[in-house]
Amino acid sequence: GMDDRHDWPVLTRSQGLTWIDPRDPRLFPDGMLKLDGPR
């Protein structure tokens, strides 16, 4: 029943699909796209 609130799906240029805390942009200086709903 717990949420993994610090692991969100994101797309990055260097790793593709990964699960990270997107609040810290230093993790991927080349940019990332948070997958936060249908587009």
PDB file of all heavy atoms in Angstrom:
ATOM      1  N   GLY A   1       0.788  -1.224   0.000  1.00  0.00           N
ATOM      2  CA  GLY A   1       0.000   0.000   0.000  1.00  0.00           C
ATOM      3  C   GLY A   1       0.822   1.277   0.000  1.00  0.00           C
ATOM      4  O   GLY A   1       0.266   2.353  -0.162  1.00  0.00           O
ATOM      5  N   MET A   2       2.123   1.173   0.180  1.00  0.00           N
ATOM      6  CA  MET A   2       2.978   2.358   0.181  1.00  0.00           C
ATOM      7  C   MET A   2       3.283   2.781  -1.256  1.00  0.00           C
ATOM      8  O   MET A   2       3.321   1.946  -2.154  1.00  0.00           O
ATOM      9  CB  MET A   2       4.299   2.068   0.899  1.00  0.00           C
ATOM     10  CG  MET A   2       4.150   1.697   2.361  1.00  0.00           C
ATOM     11  SD  MET A   2       3.539   3.045   3.378  1.00  0.00           S
ATOM     12  CE  MET A   2       4.902   4.164   3.313  1.00  0.00           C
ATOM     13  N   ASP A   3       3.476   4.071  -1.446  1.00  0.00           N
ATOM     14  CA  ASP A   3       3.881   4.605  -2.744  1.00  0.00           C
ATOM     15  C   ASP A   3       5.384   4.820  -2.753  1.00  0.00           C
ATOM     16  O   ASP A   3       5.957   5.271  -1.765  1.00  0.00           O
ATOM     17  CB  ASP A   3       3.198   5.937  -3.030  1.00  0.00           C
ATOM     18  CG  ASP A   3       1.726   5.788  -3.317  1.00  0.00           C
ATOM     19  OD1 ASP A   3       1.279   4.659  -3.559  1.00  0.00           O
ATOM     20  OD2 ASP A   3       1.018   6.806  -3.293  1.00  0.00           O
ATOM     21  N   ASP A   4       5.994   4.522  -3.869  1.00  0.00           N
ATOM     22  CA  ASP A   4       7.418   4.783  -4.072  1.00  0.00           C
ATOM     23  C   ASP A   4       7.543   6.202  -4.616  1.00  0.00           C
ATOM     24  O   ASP A   4       7.913   6.419  -5.768  1.00  0.00           O
ATOM     25  CB  ASP A   4       7.995   3.766  -5.058  1.00  0.00           C
ATOM     26  CG  ASP A   4       9.223   3.094  -4.540  1.00  0.00           C
ATOM     27  OD1 ASP A   4       9.830   3.623  -3.596  1.00  0.00           O
ATOM     28  OD2 ASP A   4       9.568   2.039  -5.087  1.00  0.00           O
ATOM     29  N   ARG A   5       7.211   7.197  -3.802  1.00  0.00           N
ATOM     30  CA  ARG A   5       7.069   8.583  -4.243  1.00  0.00           C
ATOM     31  C   ARG A   5       8.342   9.213  -4.802  1.00  0.00           C
ATOM     32  O   ARG A   5       8.281  10.210  -5.498  1.00  0.00           O
ATOM     33  CB  ARG A   5       6.553   9.451  -3.106  1.00  0.00           C
ATOM     34  CG  ARG A   5       5.159   9.067  -2.689  1.00  0.00           C
ATOM     35  CD  ARG A   5       4.598  10.073  -1.701  1.00  0.00           C
ATOM     36  NE  ARG A   5       3.301   9.658  -1.231  1.00  0.00           N
ATOM     37  CZ  ARG A   5       2.176   9.966  -1.839  1.00  0.00           C
ATOM     38  NH1 ARG A   5       2.192  10.681  -2.936  1.00  0.00           N
ATOM     39  NH2 ARG A   5       1.024   9.564  -1.354  1.00  0.00           N
ATOM     40  N   HIS A   6       9.491   8.632  -4.497  1.00  0.00           N
ATOM     41  CA  HIS A   6      10.744   9.211  -4.981  1.00  0.00           C
ATOM     42  C   HIS A   6      11.247   8.525  -6.243  1.00  0.00           C
ATOM     43  O   HIS A   6      12.328   8.849  -6.722  1.00  0.00           O
ATOM     44  CB  HIS A   6      11.808   9.161  -3.892  1.00  0.00           C
ATOM     45  CG  HIS A   6      11.416   9.940  -2.671  1.00  0.00           C
ATOM     46  ND1 HIS A   6      11.213  11.301  -2.681  1.00  0.00           N
ATOM     47  CD2 HIS A   6      11.140   9.538  -1.415  1.00  0.00           C
ATOM     48  CE1 HIS A   6      10.850  11.706  -1.486  1.00  0.00           C
ATOM     49  NE2 HIS A   6      10.799  10.653  -0.693  1.00  0.00           N
ATOM     50  N   ASP A   7      10.484   7.592  -6.772  1.00  0.00           N
ATOM     51  CA  ASP A   7      10.867   6.908  -8.008  1.00  0.00           C
ATOM     52  C   ASP A   7       9.762   7.077  -9.048  1.00  0.00           C
ATOM     53  O   ASP A   7       8.722   6.431  -8.957  1.00  0.00           O
ATOM     54  CB  ASP A   7      11.116   5.414  -7.763  1.00  0.00           C
ATOM     55  CG  ASP A   7      12.426   5.163  -7.048  1.00  0.00           C
ATOM     56  OD1 ASP A   7      13.380   5.918  -7.293  1.00  0.00           O
ATOM     57  OD2 ASP A   7      12.489   4.217  -6.258  1.00  0.00           O
ATOM     58  N   TRP A   8      10.019   7.951  -9.996  1.00  0.00           N
ATOM     59  CA  TRP A   8       9.079   8.222 -11.081  1.00  0.00           C
ATOM     60  C   TRP A   8       9.703   7.798 -12.401  1.00  0.00           C
ATOM     61  O   TRP A   8      10.915   7.877 -12.570  1.00  0.00           O
ATOM     62  CB  TRP A   8       8.762   9.714 -11.142  1.00  0.00           C
ATOM     63  CG  TRP A   8       7.854  10.141 -10.049  1.00  0.00           C
ATOM     64  CD1 TRP A   8       8.201  10.402  -8.757  1.00  0.00           C
ATOM     65  CD2 TRP A   8       6.448  10.338 -10.140  1.00  0.00           C
ATOM     66  NE1 TRP A   8       7.100  10.755  -8.047  1.00  0.00           N
ATOM     67  CE2 TRP A   8       6.004  10.733  -8.865  1.00  0.00           C
ATOM     68  CE3 TRP A   8       5.527  10.222 -11.179  1.00  0.00           C
ATOM     69  CZ2 TRP A   8       4.678  11.000  -8.597  1.00  0.00           C
ATOM     70  CZ3 TRP A   8       4.199  10.505 -10.905  1.00  0.00           C
ATOM     71  CH2 TRP A   8       3.781  10.885  -9.636  1.00  0.00           C
ATOM     72  N   PRO A   9       8.880   7.378 -13.339  1.00  0.00           N
ATOM     73  CA  PRO A   9       9.432   7.034 -14.653  1.00  0.00           C
ATOM     74  C   PRO A   9       9.825   8.302 -15.402  1.00  0.00           C
ATOM     75  O   PRO A   9       9.058   9.258 -15.470  1.00  0.00           O
ATOM     76  CB  PRO A   9       8.282   6.308 -15.348  1.00  0.00           C
ATOM     77  CG  PRO A   9       7.040   6.816 -14.692  1.00  0.00           C
ATOM     78  CD  PRO A   9       7.429   7.160 -13.286  1.00  0.00           C
ATOM     79  N   VAL A  10      11.037   8.298 -15.927  1.00  0.00           N
ATOM     80  CA  VAL A  10      11.519   9.411 -16.738  1.00  0.00           C
ATOM     81  C   VAL A  10      12.269   8.854 -17.941  1.00  0.00           C
ATOM     82  O   VAL A  10      12.772   7.735 -17.916  1.00  0.00           O
ATOM     83  CB  VAL A  10      12.454  10.365 -15.944  1.00  0.00           C
ATOM     84  CG1 VAL A  10      11.736  11.017 -14.783  1.00  0.00           C
ATOM     85  CG2 VAL A  10      13.697   9.659 -15.483  1.00  0.00           C
ATOM     86  N   LEU A  11      12.313   9.649 -18.985  1.00  0.00           N
ATOM     87  CA  LEU A  11      13.137   9.343 -20.153  1.00  0.00           C
ATOM     88  C   LEU A  11      14.342  10.263 -20.112  1.00  0.00           C
ATOM     89  O   LEU A  11      14.203  11.456 -19.877  1.00  0.00           O
ATOM     90  CB  LEU A  11      12.364   9.564 -21.448  1.00  0.00           C
ATOM     91  CG  LEU A  11      11.209   8.601 -21.718  1.00  0.00           C
ATOM     92  CD1 LEU A  11      10.478   9.020 -22.997  1.00  0.00           C
ATOM     93  CD2 LEU A  11      11.718   7.178 -21.843  1.00  0.00           C
ATOM     94  N   THR A  12      15.517   9.693 -20.346  1.00  0.00           N
ATOM     95  CA  THR A  12      16.736  10.490 -20.386  1.00  0.00           C
ATOM     96  C   THR A  12      17.465  10.189 -21.689  1.00  0.00           C
ATOM     97  O   THR A  12      17.229   9.158 -22.315  1.00  0.00           O
ATOM     98  CB  THR A  12      17.672  10.159 -19.203  1.00  0.00           C
ATOM     99  OG1 THR A  12      18.229   8.872 -19.407  1.00  0.00           O
ATOM    100  CG2 THR A  12      16.948  10.214 -17.879  1.00  0.00           C
ATOM    101  N   ARG A  13      18.344  11.090 -22.052  1.00  0.00           N
ATOM    102  CA  ARG A  13      19.124  10.875 -23.273  1.00  0.00           C
ATOM    103  C   ARG A  13      20.165   9.781 -23.081  1.00  0.00           C
ATOM    104  O   ARG A  13      20.485   9.052 -24.004  1.00  0.00           O
ATOM    105  CB  ARG A  13      19.824  12.163 -23.679  1.00  0.00           C
ATOM    106  CG  ARG A  13      18.869  13.197 -24.154  1.00  0.00           C
ATOM    107  CD  ARG A  13      19.602  14.416 -24.589  1.00  0.00           C
ATOM    108  NE  ARG A  13      18.651  15.503 -24.751  1.00  0.00           N
ATOM    109  CZ  ARG A  13      18.971  16.684 -25.194  1.00  0.00           C
ATOM    110  NH1 ARG A  13      20.214  16.955 -25.522  1.00  0.00           N
ATOM    111  NH2 ARG A  13      18.052  17.608 -25.316  1.00  0.00           N
ATOM    112  N   SER A  14      20.701   9.664 -21.881  1.00  0.00           N
ATOM    113  CA  SER A  14      21.807   8.730 -21.669  1.00  0.00           C
ATOM    114  C   SER A  14      21.353   7.327 -21.253  1.00  0.00           C
ATOM    115  O   SER A  14      22.035   6.358 -21.547  1.00  0.00           O
ATOM    116  CB  SER A  14      22.767   9.282 -20.617  1.00  0.00           C
ATOM    117  OG  SER A  14      22.090   9.483 -19.391  1.00  0.00           O
ATOM    118  N   GLN A  15      20.205   7.210 -20.558  1.00  0.00           N
ATOM    119  CA  GLN A  15      19.803   5.907 -20.052  1.00  0.00           C
ATOM    120  C   GLN A  15      18.452   5.425 -20.586  1.00  0.00           C
ATOM    121  O   GLN A  15      18.040   4.324 -20.265  1.00  0.00           O
ATOM    122  CB  GLN A  15      19.741   5.928 -18.528  1.00  0.00           C
ATOM    123  CG  GLN A  15      21.086   6.072 -17.890  1.00  0.00           C
ATOM    124  CD  GLN A  15      21.010   5.910 -16.384  1.00  0.00           C
ATOM    125  OE1 GLN A  15      19.967   5.645 -15.811  1.00  0.00           O
ATOM    126  NE2 GLN A  15      22.136   6.059 -15.740  1.00  0.00           N
ATOM    127  N   GLY A  16      17.763   6.224 -21.352  1.00  0.00           N
ATOM    128  CA  GLY A  16      16.434   5.824 -21.814  1.00  0.00           C
ATOM    129  C   GLY A  16      15.445   5.866 -20.669  1.00  0.00           C
ATOM    130  O   GLY A  16      15.450   6.786 -19.874  1.00  0.00           O
ATOM    131  N   LEU A  17      14.627   4.846 -20.545  1.00  0.00           N
ATOM    132  CA  LEU A  17      13.647   4.778 -19.477  1.00  0.00           C
ATOM    133  C   LEU A  17      14.326   4.369 -18.174  1.00  0.00           C
ATOM    134  O   LEU A  17      15.050   3.378 -18.120  1.00  0.00           O
ATOM    135  CB  LEU A  17      12.549   3.758 -19.812  1.00  0.00           C
ATOM    136  CG  LEU A  17      11.514   3.516 -18.715  1.00  0.00           C
ATOM    137  CD1 LEU A  17      10.693   4.775 -18.448  1.00  0.00           C
ATOM    138  CD2 LEU A  17      10.609   2.355 -19.086  1.00  0.00           C
ATOM    139  N   THR A  18      14.108   5.163 -17.136  1.00  0.00           N
ATOM    140  CA  THR A  18      14.647   4.839 -15.808  1.00  0.00           C
ATOM    141  C   THR A  18      13.680   5.369 -14.763  1.00  0.00           C
ATOM    142  O   THR A  18      12.746   6.109 -15.077  1.00  0.00           O
ATOM    143  CB  THR A  18      16.066   5.424 -15.635  1.00  0.00           C
ATOM    144  OG1 THR A  18      16.644   4.902 -14.448  1.00  0.00           O
ATOM    145  CG2 THR A  18      16.057   6.934 -15.606  1.00  0.00           C
ATOM    146  N   TRP A  19      13.878   4.981 -13.537  1.00  0.00           N
ATOM    147  CA  TRP A  19      13.028   5.406 -12.419  1.00  0.00           C
ATOM    148  C   TRP A  19      13.907   6.173 -11.444  1.00  0.00           C
ATOM    149  O   TRP A  19      14.834   5.623 -10.875  1.00  0.00           O
ATOM    150  CB  TRP A  19      12.408   4.198 -11.733  1.00  0.00           C
ATOM    151  CG  TRP A  19      11.520   3.420 -12.636  1.00  0.00           C
ATOM    152  CD1 TRP A  19      11.916   2.575 -13.623  1.00  0.00           C
ATOM    153  CD2 TRP A  19      10.105   3.447 -12.676  1.00  0.00           C
ATOM    154  NE1 TRP A  19      10.823   2.056 -14.268  1.00  0.00           N
ATOM    155  CE2 TRP A  19       9.682   2.573 -13.702  1.00  0.00           C
ATOM    156  CE3 TRP A  19       9.128   4.100 -11.936  1.00  0.00           C
ATOM    157  CZ2 TRP A  19       8.355   2.357 -14.005  1.00  0.00           C
ATOM    158  CZ3 TRP A  19       7.799   3.872 -12.243  1.00  0.00           C
ATOM    159  CH2 TRP A  19       7.416   3.017 -13.264  1.00  0.00           C
ATOM    160  N   ILE A  20      13.641   7.462 -11.272  1.00  0.00           N
ATOM    161  CA  ILE A  20      14.459   8.303 -10.396  1.00  0.00           C
ATOM    162  C   ILE A  20      13.580   9.307  -9.672  1.00  0.00           C
ATOM    163  O   ILE A  20      12.393   9.427  -9.938  1.00  0.00           O
ATOM    164  CB  ILE A  20      15.544   9.062 -11.184  1.00  0.00           C
ATOM    165  CG1 ILE A  20      14.889  10.036 -12.166  1.00  0.00           C
ATOM    166  CG2 ILE A  20      16.484   8.123 -11.893  1.00  0.00           C
ATOM    167  CD1 ILE A  20      15.846  11.076 -12.704  1.00  0.00           C
ATOM    168  N   ASP A  21      14.212  10.058  -8.786  1.00  0.00           N
ATOM    169  CA  ASP A  21      13.559  11.183  -8.133  1.00  0.00           C
ATOM    170  C   ASP A  21      13.766  12.395  -9.041  1.00  0.00           C
ATOM    171  O   ASP A  21      14.858  12.958  -9.080  1.00  0.00           O
ATOM    172  CB  ASP A  21      14.173  11.416  -6.761  1.00  0.00           C
ATOM    173  CG  ASP A  21      13.431  12.473  -5.959  1.00  0.00           C
ATOM    174  OD1 ASP A  21      12.637  13.232  -6.559  1.00  0.00           O
ATOM    175  OD2 ASP A  21      13.649  12.544  -4.743  1.00  0.00           O
ATOM    176  N   PRO A  22      12.746  12.793  -9.801  1.00  0.00           N
ATOM    177  CA  PRO A  22      12.934  13.881 -10.772  1.00  0.00           C
ATOM    178  C   PRO A  22      13.076  15.257 -10.133  1.00  0.00           C
ATOM    179  O   PRO A  22      13.307  16.232 -10.831  1.00  0.00           O
ATOM    180  CB  PRO A  22      11.673  13.799 -11.629  1.00  0.00           C
ATOM    181  CG  PRO A  22      10.654  13.197 -10.735  1.00  0.00           C
ATOM    182  CD  PRO A  22      11.398  12.254  -9.835  1.00  0.00           C
ATOM    183  N   ARG A  23      12.975  15.352  -8.817  1.00  0.00           N
ATOM    184  CA  ARG A  23      13.148  16.648  -8.157  1.00  0.00           C
ATOM    185  C   ARG A  23      14.604  17.081  -8.156  1.00  0.00           C
ATOM    186  O   ARG A  23      14.905  18.228  -7.854  1.00  0.00           O
ATOM    187  CB  ARG A  23      12.632  16.584  -6.720  1.00  0.00           C
ATOM    188  CG  ARG A  23      11.125  16.310  -6.645  1.00  0.00           C
ATOM    189  CD  ARG A  23      10.684  16.104  -5.233  1.00  0.00           C
ATOM    190  NE  ARG A  23      11.415  14.955  -4.680  1.00  0.00           N
ATOM    191  CZ  ARG A  23      11.394  14.628  -3.390  1.00  0.00           C
ATOM    192  NH1 ARG A  23      10.723  15.339  -2.532  1.00  0.00           N
ATOM    193  NH2 ARG A  23      12.057  13.564  -2.969  1.00  0.00           N
ATOM    194  N   ASP A  24      15.520  16.163  -8.486  1.00  0.00           N
ATOM    195  CA  ASP A  24      16.939  16.488  -8.483  1.00  0.00           C
ATOM    196  C   ASP A  24      17.478  16.488  -9.918  1.00  0.00           C
ATOM    197  O   ASP A  24      17.918  15.464 -10.422  1.00  0.00           O
ATOM    198  CB  ASP A  24      17.721  15.486  -7.637  1.00  0.00           C
ATOM    199  CG  ASP A  24      19.166  15.898  -7.439  1.00  0.00           C
ATOM    200  OD1 ASP A  24      19.615  16.883  -8.071  1.00  0.00           O
ATOM    201  OD2 ASP A  24      19.857  15.227  -6.656  1.00  0.00           O
ATOM    202  N   PRO A  25      17.430  17.632 -10.602  1.00  0.00           N
ATOM    203  CA  PRO A  25      17.869  17.689 -12.001  1.00  0.00           C
ATOM    204  C   PRO A  25      19.360  17.430 -12.172  1.00  0.00           C
ATOM    205  O   PRO A  25      19.816  17.178 -13.279  1.00  0.00           O
ATOM    206  CB  PRO A  25      17.503  19.110 -12.433  1.00  0.00           C
ATOM    207  CG  PRO A  25      17.415  19.889 -11.169  1.00  0.00           C
ATOM    208  CD  PRO A  25      16.992  18.916 -10.099  1.00  0.00           C
ATOM    209  N   ARG A  26      20.147  17.461 -11.091  1.00  0.00           N
ATOM    210  CA  ARG A  26      21.578  17.187 -11.197  1.00  0.00           C
ATOM    211  C   ARG A  26      21.846  15.739 -11.584  1.00  0.00           C
ATOM    212  O   ARG A  26      22.918  15.402 -12.067  1.00  0.00           O
ATOM    213  CB  ARG A  26      22.279  17.495  -9.879  1.00  0.00           C
ATOM    214  CG  ARG A  26      22.218  18.968  -9.510  1.00  0.00           C
ATOM    215  CD  ARG A  26      22.754  19.204  -8.131  1.00  0.00           C
ATOM    216  NE  ARG A  26      21.916  18.445  -7.193  1.00  0.00           N
ATOM    217  CZ  ARG A  26      22.253  18.174  -5.933  1.00  0.00           C
ATOM    218  NH1 ARG A  26      23.407  18.574  -5.474  1.00  0.00           N
ATOM    219  NH2 ARG A  26      21.445  17.506  -5.141  1.00  0.00           N
ATOM    220  N   LEU A  27      20.848  14.853 -11.384  1.00  0.00           N
ATOM    221  CA  LEU A  27      21.036  13.449 -11.715  1.00  0.00           C
ATOM    222  C   LEU A  27      21.264  13.256 -13.211  1.00  0.00           C
ATOM    223  O   LEU A  27      21.983  12.363 -13.621  1.00  0.00           O
ATOM    224  CB  LEU A  27      19.825  12.627 -11.272  1.00  0.00           C
ATOM    225  CG  LEU A  27      19.600  12.526  -9.757  1.00  0.00           C
ATOM    226  CD1 LEU A  27      18.274  11.854  -9.463  1.00  0.00           C
ATOM    227  CD2 LEU A  27      20.744  11.765  -9.110  1.00  0.00           C
ATOM    228  N   PHE A  28      20.624  14.104 -14.013  1.00  0.00           N
ATOM    229  CA  PHE A  28      20.744  13.998 -15.468  1.00  0.00           C
ATOM    230  C   PHE A  28      20.908  15.386 -16.070  1.00  0.00           C
ATOM    231  O   PHE A  28      19.947  16.008 -16.492  1.00  0.00           O
ATOM    232  CB  PHE A  28      19.524  13.285 -16.065  1.00  0.00           C
ATOM    233  CG  PHE A  28      19.467  11.850 -15.662  1.00  0.00           C
ATOM    234  CD1 PHE A  28      18.697  11.444 -14.589  1.00  0.00           C
ATOM    235  CD2 PHE A  28      20.227  10.902 -16.319  1.00  0.00           C
ATOM    236  CE1 PHE A  28      18.673  10.121 -14.197  1.00  0.00           C
ATOM    237  CE2 PHE A  28      20.212   9.579 -15.932  1.00  0.00           C
ATOM    238  CZ  PHE A  28      19.430   9.183 -14.868  1.00  0.00           C
ATOM    239  N   PRO A  29      22.149  15.865 -16.113  1.00  0.00           N
ATOM    240  CA  PRO A  29      22.375  17.212 -16.629  1.00  0.00           C
ATOM    241  C   PRO A  29      22.029  17.367 -18.103  1.00  0.00           C
ATOM    242  O   PRO A  29      21.805  18.477 -18.563  1.00  0.00           O
ATOM    243  CB  PRO A  29      23.869  17.447 -16.383  1.00  0.00           C
ATOM    244  CG  PRO A  29      24.459  16.091 -16.241  1.00  0.00           C
ATOM    245  CD  PRO A  29      23.376  15.199 -15.701  1.00  0.00           C
ATOM    246  N   ASP A  30      21.963  16.240 -18.833  1.00  0.00           N
ATOM    247  CA  ASP A  30      21.627  16.351 -20.254  1.00  0.00           C
ATOM    248  C   ASP A  30      20.116  16.393 -20.474  1.00  0.00           C
ATOM    249  O   ASP A  30      19.654  16.425 -21.601  1.00  0.00           O
ATOM    250  CB  ASP A  30      22.258  15.215 -21.058  1.00  0.00           C
ATOM    251  CG  ASP A  30      21.725  13.842 -20.663  1.00  0.00           C
ATOM    252  OD1 ASP A  30      21.137  13.716 -19.573  1.00  0.00           O
ATOM    253  OD2 ASP A  30      21.903  12.896 -21.443  1.00  0.00           O
ATOM    254  N   GLY A  31      19.355  16.403 -19.397  1.00  0.00           N
ATOM    255  CA  GLY A  31      17.916  16.544 -19.501  1.00  0.00           C
ATOM    256  C   GLY A  31      17.162  15.245 -19.297  1.00  0.00           C
ATOM    257  O   GLY A  31      17.702  14.159 -19.446  1.00  0.00           O
ATOM    258  N   MET A  32      15.901  15.407 -18.900  1.00  0.00           N
ATOM    259  CA  MET A  32      15.027  14.265 -18.713  1.00  0.00           C
ATOM    260  C   MET A  32      13.596  14.722 -18.920  1.00  0.00           C
ATOM    261  O   MET A  32      13.271  15.897 -18.830  1.00  0.00           O
ATOM    262  CB  MET A  32      15.204  13.674 -17.318  1.00  0.00           C
ATOM    263  CG  MET A  32      14.766  14.592 -16.203  1.00  0.00           C
ATOM    264  SD  MET A  32      15.019  13.802 -14.607  1.00  0.00           S
ATOM    265  CE  MET A  32      15.051  15.242 -13.560  1.00  0.00           C
ATOM    266  N   LEU A  33      12.747  13.784 -19.249  1.00  0.00           N
ATOM    267  CA  LEU A  33      11.330  14.042 -19.438  1.00  0.00           C
ATOM    268  C   LEU A  33      10.572  13.160 -18.463  1.00  0.00           C
ATOM    269  O   LEU A  33      10.617  11.928 -18.560  1.00  0.00           O
ATOM    270  CB  LEU A  33      10.911  13.719 -20.874  1.00  0.00           C
ATOM    271  CG  LEU A  33       9.425  13.788 -21.178  1.00  0.00           C
ATOM    272  CD1 LEU A  33       8.907  15.219 -21.016  1.00  0.00           C
ATOM    273  CD2 LEU A  33       9.157  13.278 -22.581  1.00  0.00           C
ATOM    274  N   LYS A  34       9.920  13.777 -17.474  1.00  0.00           N
ATOM    275  CA  LYS A  34       9.146  13.023 -16.502  1.00  0.00           C
ATOM    276  C   LYS A  34       7.879  12.521 -17.170  1.00  0.00           C
ATOM    277  O   LYS A  34       7.159  13.273 -17.817  1.00  0.00           O
ATOM    278  CB  LYS A  34       8.786  13.915 -15.307  1.00  0.00           C
ATOM    279  CG  LYS A  34       8.009  13.201 -14.230  1.00  0.00           C
ATOM    280  CD  LYS A  34       7.723  14.138 -13.067  1.00  0.00           C
ATOM    281  CE  LYS A  34       6.841  13.491 -12.040  1.00  0.00           C
ATOM    282  NZ  LYS A  34       6.477  14.432 -10.973  1.00  0.00           N
ATOM    283  N   LEU A  35       7.630  11.233 -17.050  1.00  0.00           N
ATOM    284  CA  LEU A  35       6.432  10.618 -17.637  1.00  0.00           C
ATOM    285  C   LEU A  35       5.319  10.716 -16.607  1.00  0.00           C
ATOM    286  O   LEU A  35       5.126   9.849 -15.781  1.00  0.00           O
ATOM    287  CB  LEU A  35       6.708   9.163 -18.025  1.00  0.00           C
ATOM    288  CG  LEU A  35       7.868   8.971 -19.000  1.00  0.00           C
ATOM    289  CD1 LEU A  35       8.084   7.486 -19.271  1.00  0.00           C
ATOM    290  CD2 LEU A  35       7.614   9.716 -20.289  1.00  0.00           C
ATOM    291  N   ASP A  36       4.567  11.807 -16.664  1.00  0.00           N
ATOM    292  CA  ASP A  36       3.580  12.079 -15.634  1.00  0.00           C
ATOM    293  C   ASP A  36       2.153  12.086 -16.159  1.00  0.00           C
ATOM    294  O   ASP A  36       1.314  12.835 -15.693  1.00  0.00           O
ATOM    295  CB  ASP A  36       3.903  13.389 -14.932  1.00  0.00           C
ATOM    296  CG  ASP A  36       4.006  14.566 -15.883  1.00  0.00           C
ATOM    297  OD1 ASP A  36       3.809  14.374 -17.100  1.00  0.00           O
ATOM    298  OD2 ASP A  36       4.289  15.673 -15.422  1.00  0.00           O
ATOM    299  N   GLY A  37       1.874  11.264 -17.141  1.00  0.00           N
ATOM    300  CA  GLY A  37       0.519  11.133 -17.634  1.00  0.00           C
ATOM    301  C   GLY A  37       0.467  11.013 -19.142  1.00  0.00           C
ATOM    302  O   GLY A  37       1.472  11.226 -19.821  1.00  0.00           O
ATOM    303  N   PRO A  38      -0.691  10.621 -19.634  1.00  0.00           N
ATOM    304  CA  PRO A  38      -0.843  10.469 -21.090  1.00  0.00           C
ATOM    305  C   PRO A  38      -0.548  11.779 -21.806  1.00  0.00           C
ATOM    306  O   PRO A  38      -0.832  12.857 -21.314  1.00  0.00           O
ATOM    307  CB  PRO A  38      -2.304  10.060 -21.266  1.00  0.00           C
ATOM    308  CG  PRO A  38      -2.718   9.549 -19.938  1.00  0.00           C
ATOM    309  CD  PRO A  38      -1.899  10.284 -18.917  1.00  0.00           C
ATOM    310  N   ARG A  39       0.038  11.665 -22.991  1.00  0.00           N
ATOM    311  CA  ARG A  39       0.359  12.850 -23.780  1.00  0.00           C
ATOM    312  C   ARG A  39      -0.476  12.866 -25.037  1.00  0.00           C
ATOM    313  O   ARG A  39      -0.836  11.929 -25.592  1.00  0.00           O
ATOM    314  CB  ARG A  39       1.831  12.833 -24.150  1.00  0.00           C
ATOM    315  CG  ARG A  39       2.697  12.805 -22.908  1.00  0.00           C
ATOM    316  CD  ARG A  39       3.951  13.625 -23.085  1.00  0.00           C
ATOM    317  NE  ARG A  39       4.830  13.526 -21.955  1.00  0.00           N
ATOM    318  CZ  ARG A  39       4.706  14.267 -20.849  1.00  0.00           C
ATOM    319  NH1 ARG A  39       3.739  15.118 -20.734  1.00  0.00           N
ATOM    320  NH2 ARG A  39       5.562  14.135 -19.863  1.00  0.00           N
TER     321      ARG A  39
END
